[in-house]
Amino acid sequence: MESIEISTEFIRLDALLKLTGLVDTGGQAKFVIQNGEVSVNGETCTMRGKKLRSGDTASYAGKEFAVR
């Protein structure tokens, strides 16, 4: 699991996917999230605007990230 450091209160799920390089565009992020391919804290999440805060985890394509 990799850690992602944020300097704000939260990061949106679609922005996290772009920041980590797992997707190239916001459109691609929207597609994979709405397709049910992304998990947040171990549960499938289809809300691209989901706010992730310190302590949350997200996984996609076999990679997992922890927000710090």
Protein backbone atom coordinates (compact mmCIF):
# COMPACT_ATOMS: atom_id res chain seq x y z
CA MET A 1 0.00 0.00 0.00
CA GLU A 2 1.29 3.42 -0.95
CA SER A 3 0.61 6.60 1.03
CA ILE A 4 -0.66 9.79 -0.55
CA GLU A 5 0.01 12.95 1.43
CA ILE A 6 -2.58 15.71 1.13
CA SER A 7 -2.31 19.22 2.50
CA THR A 8 -6.04 19.92 2.43
CA GLU A 9 -8.94 18.56 4.49
CA PHE A 10 -9.91 16.06 1.77
CA ILE A 11 -9.29 14.93 -1.81
CA ARG A 12 -11.99 13.81 -4.20
CA LEU A 13 -11.82 10.23 -5.40
CA ASP A 14 -11.48 11.18 -9.07
CA ALA A 15 -8.65 13.59 -8.24
CA LEU A 16 -6.89 10.88 -6.23
CA LEU A 17 -6.95 8.50 -9.20
CA LYS A 18 -5.42 11.19 -11.42
CA LEU A 19 -2.85 12.20 -8.79
CA THR A 20 -1.65 8.62 -8.40
CA GLY A 21 -1.37 8.15 -12.17
CA LEU A 22 -3.84 5.27 -12.25
CA VAL A 23 -5.91 7.16 -14.83
CA ASP A 24 -4.87 9.83 -17.32
CA THR A 25 -8.00 11.98 -17.43
CA GLY A 26 -11.00 12.97 -15.37
CA GLY A 27 -13.22 11.27 -17.92
CA GLN A 28 -11.39 8.00 -17.47
CA ALA A 29 -11.66 8.38 -13.68
CA LYS A 30 -15.41 8.97 -13.99
CA PHE A 31 -15.79 5.87 -16.15
CA VAL A 32 -13.93 3.45 -13.86
CA ILE A 33 -15.60 4.83 -10.73
CA GLN A 34 -19.13 4.66 -12.17
CA ASN A 35 -18.35 1.18 -13.50
CA GLY A 36 -17.78 -0.01 -9.92
CA GLU A 37 -14.08 -0.73 -10.42
CA VAL A 38 -12.87 1.39 -7.47
CA SER A 39 -13.07 0.54 -3.76
CA VAL A 40 -12.96 3.00 -0.86
CA ASN A 41 -12.25 1.59 2.59
CA GLY A 42 -12.86 -1.92 1.25
CA GLU A 43 -16.26 -1.22 -0.33
CA THR A 44 -17.13 -0.51 -3.96
CA CYS A 45 -17.70 3.20 -4.51
CA THR A 46 -19.50 4.68 -7.52
CA MET A 47 -19.43 8.33 -6.37
CA ARG A 48 -16.65 10.14 -8.21
CA GLY A 49 -16.96 13.15 -5.90
CA LYS A 50 -16.47 11.00 -2.79
CA LYS A 51 -14.34 12.95 -0.32
CA LEU A 52 -11.39 11.01 1.05
CA ARG A 53 -9.81 12.19 4.27
CA SER A 54 -6.74 11.15 6.21
CA GLY A 55 -7.06 7.48 7.16
CA ASP A 56 -9.19 6.49 4.14
CA THR A 57 -7.97 3.96 1.60
CA ALA A 58 -8.76 3.57 -2.09
CA SER A 59 -7.93 0.73 -4.45
CA TYR A 60 -8.13 0.26 -8.20
CA ALA A 61 -6.43 -2.08 -10.68
CA GLY A 62 -4.70 -4.05 -7.93
CA LYS A 63 -3.13 -0.99 -6.31
CA GLU A 64 -4.09 0.42 -2.93
CA PHE A 65 -3.47 3.90 -1.58
CA ALA A 66 -3.84 5.34 1.90
CA VAL A 67 -4.61 9.03 2.34
CA ARG A 68 -2.44 10.73 4.97
